[in-house]
C-alpha cells in the first residue's frame, strides 16, 4: 500500500504525489488486478440487453478529436 502514498516529489505542489500506476478501487487491494483481455472492449447494456460493443480498434479508428470553444463569450473576444 505504500506505493499509493509515496513521499512528496520535488516540483509538485503540496498534497500532490507522483504515482507509478493508477490506484485500484477494490475491496481486495492485496490481490493482483484481473488480466487484460487479448482484445479489450466496452460492452454497454440496458436492462441486461446489449446496446453497443466498442472495441479498442474502434476507438483507435476514430483518431484524435479536437474541439473549439463556441460560447458567446469566446466569440465576443475574437
PDB file of N, CA and C in Angstrom:
ATOM      1  N   UNK A   1       0.820  -1.203   0.000  1.00  0.00           N
ATOM      2  CA  UNK A   1       0.000   0.000   0.000  1.00  0.00           C
ATOM      3  C   UNK A   1       0.863   1.266   0.000  1.00  0.00           C
ATOM      4  N   UNK A   2       2.149   1.155   0.373  1.00  0.00           N
ATOM      5  CA  UNK A   2       2.996   2.352   0.416  1.00  0.00           C
ATOM      6  C   UNK A   2       3.167   2.965  -0.967  1.00  0.00           C
ATOM      7  N   UNK A   3       2.991   2.170  -2.026  1.00  0.00           N
ATOM      8  CA  UNK A   3       3.179   2.726  -3.371  1.00  0.00           C
ATOM      9  C   UNK A   3       2.123   3.768  -3.703  1.00  0.00           C
ATOM     10  N   UNK A   4       0.997   3.767  -2.998  1.00  0.00           N
ATOM     11  CA  UNK A   4      -0.051   4.752  -3.244  1.00  0.00           C
ATOM     12  C   UNK A   4       0.121   6.013  -2.405  1.00  0.00           C
ATOM     13  N   UNK A   5       1.033   5.988  -1.438  1.00  0.00           N
ATOM     14  CA  UNK A   5       1.284   7.155  -0.608  1.00  0.00           C
ATOM     15  C   UNK A   5       2.774   7.446  -0.546  1.00  0.00           C
ATOM     16  N   UNK A   6       3.386   7.709  -1.707  1.00  0.00           N
ATOM     17  CA  UNK A   6       4.825   7.989  -1.691  1.00  0.00           C
ATOM     18  C   UNK A   6       5.111   9.362  -1.090  1.00  0.00           C
ATOM     19  N   UNK A   7       6.363   9.601  -0.797  1.00  0.00           N
ATOM     20  CA  UNK A   7       6.764  10.912  -0.261  1.00  0.00           C
ATOM     21  C   UNK A   7       6.575  11.989  -1.325  1.00  0.00           C
ATOM     22  N   UNK A   8       6.603  13.224  -0.874  1.00  0.00           N
ATOM     23  CA  UNK A   8       6.439  14.364  -1.776  1.00  0.00           C
ATOM     24  C   UNK A   8       7.565  14.364  -2.810  1.00  0.00           C
ATOM     25  N   UNK A   9       7.229  14.745  -4.013  1.00  0.00           N
ATOM     26  CA  UNK A   9       8.188  14.783  -5.112  1.00  0.00           C
ATOM     27  C   UNK A   9       8.504  16.241  -5.425  1.00  0.00           C
ATOM     28  N   UNK A  10       9.772  16.542  -5.627  1.00  0.00           N
ATOM     29  CA  UNK A  10      10.173  17.904  -5.974  1.00  0.00           C
ATOM     30  C   UNK A  10       9.481  18.336  -7.259  1.00  0.00           C
ATOM     31  N   UNK A  11       9.014  19.565  -7.292  1.00  0.00           N
ATOM     32  CA  UNK A  11       8.366  20.099  -8.475  1.00  0.00           C
ATOM     33  C   UNK A  11       6.859  19.930  -8.484  1.00  0.00           C
ATOM     34  N   UNK A  12       6.312  19.217  -7.501  1.00  0.00           N
ATOM     35  CA  UNK A  12       4.858  19.047  -7.425  1.00  0.00           C
ATOM     36  C   UNK A  12       4.327  19.862  -6.262  1.00  0.00           C
ATOM     37  N   UNK A  13       3.124  20.418  -6.392  1.00  0.00           N
ATOM     38  CA  UNK A  13       2.556  21.219  -5.309  1.00  0.00           C
ATOM     39  C   UNK A  13       2.310  20.380  -4.055  1.00  0.00           C
ATOM     40  N   UNK A  14       2.218  21.023  -2.898  1.00  0.00           N
ATOM     41  CA  UNK A  14       1.921  20.287  -1.670  1.00  0.00           C
ATOM     42  C   UNK A  14       0.617  19.505  -1.814  1.00  0.00           C
ATOM     43  N   UNK A  15       0.618  18.304  -1.299  1.00  0.00           N
ATOM     44  CA  UNK A  15      -0.567  17.461  -1.385  1.00  0.00           C
ATOM     45  C   UNK A  15      -0.613  16.597  -2.631  1.00  0.00           C
ATOM     46  N   UNK A  16       0.226  16.892  -3.614  1.00  0.00           N
ATOM     47  CA  UNK A  16       0.267  16.112  -4.846  1.00  0.00           C
ATOM     48  C   UNK A  16       1.353  15.051  -4.740  1.00  0.00           C
ATOM     49  N   UNK A  17       1.086  13.880  -5.265  1.00  0.00           N
ATOM     50  CA  UNK A  17       2.040  12.784  -5.225  1.00  0.00           C
ATOM     51  C   UNK A  17       2.189  12.184  -6.612  1.00  0.00           C
ATOM     52  N   UNK A  18       3.392  11.792  -6.969  1.00  0.00           N
ATOM     53  CA  UNK A  18       3.665  11.146  -8.243  1.00  0.00           C
ATOM     54  C   UNK A  18       3.457   9.649  -8.070  1.00  0.00           C
ATOM     55  N   UNK A  19       2.517   9.077  -8.806  1.00  0.00           N
ATOM     56  CA  UNK A  19       2.231   7.650  -8.719  1.00  0.00           C
ATOM     57  C   UNK A  19       2.793   6.937  -9.941  1.00  0.00           C
ATOM     58  N   UNK A  20       3.257   5.736  -9.749  1.00  0.00           N
ATOM     59  CA  UNK A  20       3.779   4.936 -10.844  1.00  0.00           C
ATOM     60  C   UNK A  20       2.678   4.184 -11.563  1.00  0.00           C
ATOM     61  N   UNK A  21       1.525   4.033 -10.916  1.00  0.00           N
ATOM     62  CA  UNK A  21       0.413   3.304 -11.518  1.00  0.00           C
ATOM     63  C   UNK A  21      -0.898   3.870 -10.986  1.00  0.00           C
ATOM     64  N   UNK A  22      -1.963   3.629 -11.706  1.00  0.00           N
ATOM     65  CA  UNK A  22      -3.285   4.078 -11.287  1.00  0.00           C
ATOM     66  C   UNK A  22      -3.751   3.237 -10.104  1.00  0.00           C
ATOM     67  N   UNK A  23      -4.178   3.873  -9.005  1.00  0.00           N
ATOM     68  CA  UNK A  23      -4.652   3.064  -7.876  1.00  0.00           C
ATOM     69  C   UNK A  23      -5.930   2.318  -8.233  1.00  0.00           C
ATOM     70  N   UNK A  24      -6.066   1.132  -7.676  1.00  0.00           N
ATOM     71  CA  UNK A  24      -7.265   0.334  -7.888  1.00  0.00           C
ATOM     72  C   UNK A  24      -8.220   0.564  -6.735  1.00  0.00           C
ATOM     73  N   UNK A  25      -9.488   0.764  -7.048  1.00  0.00           N
ATOM     74  CA  UNK A  25     -10.510   0.930  -6.034  1.00  0.00           C
ATOM     75  C   UNK A  25     -11.226  -0.411  -5.905  1.00  0.00           C
ATOM     76  N   UNK A  26     -10.847  -1.163  -4.886  1.00  0.00           N
ATOM     77  CA  UNK A  26     -11.355  -2.516  -4.715  1.00  0.00           C
ATOM     78  C   UNK A  26     -11.418  -2.852  -3.236  1.00  0.00           C
ATOM     79  N   UNK A  27     -12.148  -3.884  -2.920  1.00  0.00           N
ATOM     80  CA  UNK A  27     -12.193  -4.335  -1.533  1.00  0.00           C
ATOM     81  C   UNK A  27     -11.105  -5.373  -1.256  1.00  0.00           C
ATOM     82  N   UNK A  28     -10.307  -5.731  -2.285  1.00  0.00           N
ATOM     83  CA  UNK A  28      -9.206  -6.688  -2.133  1.00  0.00           C
ATOM     84  C   UNK A  28      -7.924  -6.136  -2.761  1.00  0.00           C
ATOM     85  N   UNK A  29      -7.343  -5.067  -2.176  1.00  0.00           N
ATOM     86  CA  UNK A  29      -6.168  -4.443  -2.803  1.00  0.00           C
ATOM     87  C   UNK A  29      -4.922  -5.320  -2.790  1.00  0.00           C
ATOM     88  N   UNK A  30      -4.902  -6.373  -1.977  1.00  0.00           N
ATOM     89  CA  UNK A  30      -3.726  -7.241  -1.905  1.00  0.00           C
ATOM     90  C   UNK A  30      -3.660  -8.240  -3.064  1.00  0.00           C
ATOM     91  N   UNK A  31      -4.751  -8.392  -3.809  1.00  0.00           N
ATOM     92  CA  UNK A  31      -4.759  -9.300  -4.955  1.00  0.00           C
ATOM     93  C   UNK A  31      -4.328  -8.560  -6.216  1.00  0.00           C
ATOM     94  N   UNK A  32      -3.684  -9.243  -7.156  1.00  0.00           N
ATOM     95  CA  UNK A  32      -3.288  -8.575  -8.401  1.00  0.00           C
ATOM     96  C   UNK A  32      -4.528  -8.197  -9.227  1.00  0.00           C
ATOM     97  N   UNK A  33      -4.394  -7.219 -10.109  1.00  0.00           N
ATOM     98  CA  UNK A  33      -5.537  -6.838 -10.948  1.00  0.00           C
ATOM     99  C   UNK A  33      -5.903  -7.970 -11.909  1.00  0.00           C
ATOM    100  N   UNK A  34      -7.140  -7.974 -12.394  1.00  0.00           N
ATOM    101  CA  UNK A  34      -7.521  -9.011 -13.351  1.00  0.00           C
ATOM    102  C   UNK A  34      -6.703  -8.892 -14.631  1.00  0.00           C
ATOM    103  N   UNK A  35      -6.558  -9.996 -15.335  1.00  0.00           N
ATOM    104  CA  UNK A  35      -5.805  -9.992 -16.594  1.00  0.00           C
ATOM    105  C   UNK A  35      -6.555  -9.195 -17.659  1.00  0.00           C
ATOM    106  N   UNK A  36      -5.782  -8.505 -18.479  1.00  0.00           N
ATOM    107  CA  UNK A  36      -6.349  -7.728 -19.581  1.00  0.00           C
ATOM    108  C   UNK A  36      -6.700  -8.688 -20.708  1.00  0.00           C
ATOM    109  N   UNK A  37      -7.915  -8.601 -21.264  1.00  0.00           N
ATOM    110  CA  UNK A  37      -8.252  -9.490 -22.376  1.00  0.00           C
ATOM    111  C   UNK A  37      -7.390  -9.187 -23.603  1.00  0.00           C
ATOM    112  N   UNK A  38      -7.239 -10.172 -24.467  1.00  0.00           N
ATOM    113  CA  UNK A  38      -6.430 -10.007 -25.677  1.00  0.00           C
ATOM    114  C   UNK A  38      -6.997  -8.880 -26.536  1.00  0.00           C
ATOM    115  N   UNK A  39      -8.308  -8.839 -26.685  1.00  0.00           N
ATOM    116  CA  UNK A  39      -8.976  -7.774 -27.434  1.00  0.00           C
ATOM    117  C   UNK A  39      -9.949  -7.060 -26.504  1.00  0.00           C
ATOM    118  N   UNK A  40      -9.488  -5.996 -25.799  1.00  0.00           N
ATOM    119  CA  UNK A  40     -10.369  -5.308 -24.860  1.00  0.00           C
ATOM    120  C   UNK A  40     -11.546  -4.663 -25.568  1.00  0.00           C
ATOM    121  N   UNK A  41     -12.677  -4.617 -24.886  1.00  0.00           N
ATOM    122  CA  UNK A  41     -13.861  -3.985 -25.462  1.00  0.00           C
ATOM    123  C   UNK A  41     -14.752  -3.474 -24.335  1.00  0.00           C
ATOM    124  N   UNK A  42     -15.557  -2.505 -24.667  1.00  0.00           N
ATOM    125  CA  UNK A  42     -16.516  -1.926 -23.743  1.00  0.00           C
ATOM    126  C   UNK A  42     -17.895  -2.380 -24.185  1.00  0.00           C
ATOM    127  N   UNK A  43     -18.589  -3.075 -23.302  1.00  0.00           N
ATOM    128  CA  UNK A  43     -19.928  -3.558 -23.614  1.00  0.00           C
ATOM    129  C   UNK A  43     -20.944  -2.700 -22.863  1.00  0.00           C
ATOM    130  N   UNK A  44     -21.839  -2.071 -23.578  1.00  0.00           N
ATOM    131  CA  UNK A  44     -22.876  -1.228 -22.991  1.00  0.00           C
ATOM    132  C   UNK A  44     -24.185  -2.004 -23.026  1.00  0.00           C
ATOM    133  N   UNK A  45     -24.826  -2.111 -21.858  1.00  0.00           N
ATOM    134  CA  UNK A  45     -26.109  -2.816 -21.788  1.00  0.00           C
ATOM    135  C   UNK A  45     -27.140  -1.936 -21.106  1.00  0.00           C
ATOM    136  N   UNK A  46     -28.392  -2.239 -21.362  1.00  0.00           N
ATOM    137  CA  UNK A  46     -29.504  -1.553 -20.700  1.00  0.00           C
ATOM    138  C   UNK A  46     -30.510  -2.621 -20.302  1.00  0.00           C
ATOM    139  N   UNK A  47     -30.702  -2.763 -19.001  1.00  0.00           N
ATOM    140  CA  UNK A  47     -31.606  -3.800 -18.522  1.00  0.00           C
ATOM    141  C   UNK A  47     -31.153  -5.191 -18.890  1.00  0.00           C
ATOM    142  N   UNK A  48     -29.854  -5.393 -19.027  1.00  0.00           N
ATOM    143  CA  UNK A  48     -29.320  -6.700 -19.383  1.00  0.00           C
ATOM    144  C   UNK A  48     -29.235  -6.951 -20.874  1.00  0.00           C
ATOM    145  N   UNK A  49     -29.893  -6.125 -21.663  1.00  0.00           N
ATOM    146  CA  UNK A  49     -29.848  -6.291 -23.120  1.00  0.00           C
ATOM    147  C   UNK A  49     -28.675  -5.500 -23.695  1.00  0.00           C
ATOM    148  N   UNK A  50     -27.896  -6.091 -24.605  1.00  0.00           N
ATOM    149  CA  UNK A  50     -26.770  -5.361 -25.192  1.00  0.00           C
ATOM    150  C   UNK A  50     -27.241  -4.179 -26.038  1.00  0.00           C
ATOM    151  N   UNK A  51     -26.566  -3.055 -25.855  1.00  0.00           N
ATOM    152  CA  UNK A  51     -26.876  -1.848 -26.621  1.00  0.00           C
ATOM    153  C   UNK A  51     -25.766  -1.581 -27.632  1.00  0.00           C
ATOM    154  N   UNK A  52     -24.513  -1.716 -27.186  1.00  0.00           N
ATOM    155  CA  UNK A  52     -23.376  -1.452 -28.073  1.00  0.00           C
ATOM    156  C   UNK A  52     -22.140  -2.170 -27.552  1.00  0.00           C
ATOM    157  N   UNK A  53     -21.239  -2.478 -28.462  1.00  0.00           N
ATOM    158  CA  UNK A  53     -19.931  -3.035 -28.124  1.00  0.00           C
ATOM    159  C   UNK A  53     -18.900  -2.197 -28.868  1.00  0.00           C
ATOM    160  N   UNK A  54     -17.959  -1.626 -28.112  1.00  0.00           N
ATOM    161  CA  UNK A  54     -16.914  -0.781 -28.701  1.00  0.00           C
ATOM    162  C   UNK A  54     -15.577  -1.429 -28.382  1.00  0.00           C
ATOM    163  N   UNK A  55     -14.832  -1.754 -29.423  1.00  0.00           N
ATOM    164  CA  UNK A  55     -13.523  -2.392 -29.225  1.00  0.00           C
ATOM    165  C   UNK A  55     -12.423  -1.334 -29.221  1.00  0.00           C
ATOM    166  N   UNK A  56     -11.238  -1.739 -28.776  1.00  0.00           N
ATOM    167  CA  UNK A  56     -10.094  -0.835 -28.795  1.00  0.00           C
ATOM    168  C   UNK A  56      -9.779  -0.407 -30.226  1.00  0.00           C
ATOM    169  N   UNK A  57      -9.955  -1.307 -31.186  1.00  0.00           N
ATOM    170  CA  UNK A  57      -9.718  -0.968 -32.598  1.00  0.00           C
ATOM    171  C   UNK A  57     -10.706   0.098 -33.073  1.00  0.00           C
ATOM    172  N   UNK A  58     -11.970   0.015 -32.607  1.00  0.00           N
ATOM    173  CA  UNK A  58     -12.961   1.042 -32.959  1.00  0.00           C
ATOM    174  C   UNK A  58     -12.522   2.406 -32.448  1.00  0.00           C
ATOM    175  N   UNK A  59     -12.033   2.455 -31.218  1.00  0.00           N
ATOM    176  CA  UNK A  59     -11.583   3.727 -30.649  1.00  0.00           C
ATOM    177  C   UNK A  59     -10.358   4.259 -31.375  1.00  0.00           C
ATOM    178  N   UNK A  60      -9.429   3.375 -31.726  1.00  0.00           N
ATOM    179  CA  UNK A  60      -8.227   3.799 -32.445  1.00  0.00           C
ATOM    180  C   UNK A  60      -8.580   4.344 -33.826  1.00  0.00           C
ATOM    181  N   UNK A  61      -9.610   3.793 -34.459  1.00  0.00           N
ATOM    182  CA  UNK A  61     -10.016   4.240 -35.792  1.00  0.00           C
ATOM    183  C   UNK A  61     -10.613   5.646 -35.766  1.00  0.00           C
ATOM    184  N   UNK A  62     -11.095   6.086 -34.607  1.00  0.00           N
ATOM    185  CA  UNK A  62     -11.657   7.432 -34.514  1.00  0.00           C
ATOM    186  C   UNK A  62     -10.608   8.512 -34.692  1.00  0.00           C
ATOM    187  N   UNK A  63      -9.382   8.241 -34.282  1.00  0.00           N
ATOM    188  CA  UNK A  63      -8.320   9.225 -34.380  1.00  0.00           C
ATOM    189  C   UNK A  63      -8.489  10.316 -33.344  1.00  0.00           C
ATOM    190  N   UNK A  64      -7.602  11.323 -33.374  1.00  0.00           N
ATOM    191  CA  UNK A  64      -7.683  12.401 -32.392  1.00  0.00           C
ATOM    192  C   UNK A  64      -8.912  13.282 -32.623  1.00  0.00           C
ATOM    193  N   UNK A  65      -9.413  13.825 -31.532  1.00  0.00           N
ATOM    194  CA  UNK A  65     -10.576  14.703 -31.590  1.00  0.00           C
ATOM    195  C   UNK A  65     -10.149  16.080 -31.112  1.00  0.00           C
ATOM    196  N   UNK A  66     -10.502  17.099 -31.857  1.00  0.00           N
ATOM    197  CA  UNK A  66     -10.220  18.470 -31.433  1.00  0.00           C
ATOM    198  C   UNK A  66     -11.539  19.196 -31.264  1.00  0.00           C
ATOM    199  N   UNK A  67     -11.565  20.107 -30.327  1.00  0.00           N
ATOM    200  CA  UNK A  67     -12.771  20.885 -30.078  1.00  0.00           C
ATOM    201  C   UNK A  67     -12.435  22.361 -30.117  1.00  0.00           C
ATOM    202  N   UNK A  68     -13.421  23.161 -30.412  1.00  0.00           N
ATOM    203  CA  UNK A  68     -13.255  24.608 -30.438  1.00  0.00           C
ATOM    204  C   UNK A  68     -14.337  25.206 -29.563  1.00  0.00           C
ATOM    205  N   UNK A  69     -13.941  26.193 -28.771  1.00  0.00           N
ATOM    206  CA  UNK A  69     -14.925  26.870 -27.939  1.00  0.00           C
ATOM    207  C   UNK A  69     -15.873  27.659 -28.828  1.00  0.00           C
ATOM    208  N   UNK A  70     -17.167  27.498 -28.598  1.00  0.00           N
ATOM    209  CA  UNK A  70     -18.145  28.209 -29.428  1.00  0.00           C
ATOM    210  C   UNK A  70     -19.121  29.006 -28.573  1.00  0.00           C
ATOM    211  N   UNK A  71     -18.757  29.264 -27.321  1.00  0.00           N
ATOM    212  CA  UNK A  71     -19.672  30.008 -26.463  1.00  0.00           C
ATOM    213  C   UNK A  71     -19.724  31.469 -26.886  1.00  0.00           C
ATOM    214  N   UNK A  72     -20.735  32.177 -26.456  1.00  0.00           N
ATOM    215  CA  UNK A  72     -20.899  33.590 -26.775  1.00  0.00           C
ATOM    216  C   UNK A  72     -19.718  34.396 -26.282  1.00  0.00           C
ATOM    217  N   UNK A  73     -19.216  34.092 -25.100  1.00  0.00           N
ATOM    218  CA  UNK A  73     -18.088  34.834 -24.526  1.00  0.00           C
ATOM    219  C   UNK A  73     -16.837  34.661 -25.381  1.00  0.00           C
ATOM    220  N   UNK A  74     -16.595  33.480 -25.888  1.00  0.00           N
ATOM    221  CA  UNK A  74     -15.397  33.282 -26.687  1.00  0.00           C
ATOM    222  C   UNK A  74     -15.508  33.946 -28.048  1.00  0.00           C
ATOM    223  N   UNK A  75     -16.719  34.007 -28.617  1.00  0.00           N
ATOM    224  CA  UNK A  75     -16.905  34.672 -29.915  1.00  0.00           C
ATOM    225  C   UNK A  75     -16.794  36.171 -29.771  1.00  0.00           C
ATOM    226  N   UNK A  76     -17.187  36.720 -28.638  1.00  0.00           N
ATOM    227  CA  UNK A  76     -17.128  38.161 -28.422  1.00  0.00           C
ATOM    228  C   UNK A  76     -15.690  38.647 -28.339  1.00  0.00           C
ATOM    229  N   UNK A  77     -14.773  37.783 -27.863  1.00  0.00           N
ATOM    230  CA  UNK A  77     -13.384  38.160 -27.708  1.00  0.00           C
ATOM    231  C   UNK A  77     -12.581  38.065 -28.986  1.00  0.00           C
ATOM    232  N   UNK A  78     -13.155  37.605 -30.074  1.00  0.00           N
ATOM    233  CA  UNK A  78     -12.407  37.426 -31.327  1.00  0.00           C
ATOM    234  C   UNK A  78     -12.199  38.714 -32.054  1.00  0.00           C
TER     235      UNK A  78
END
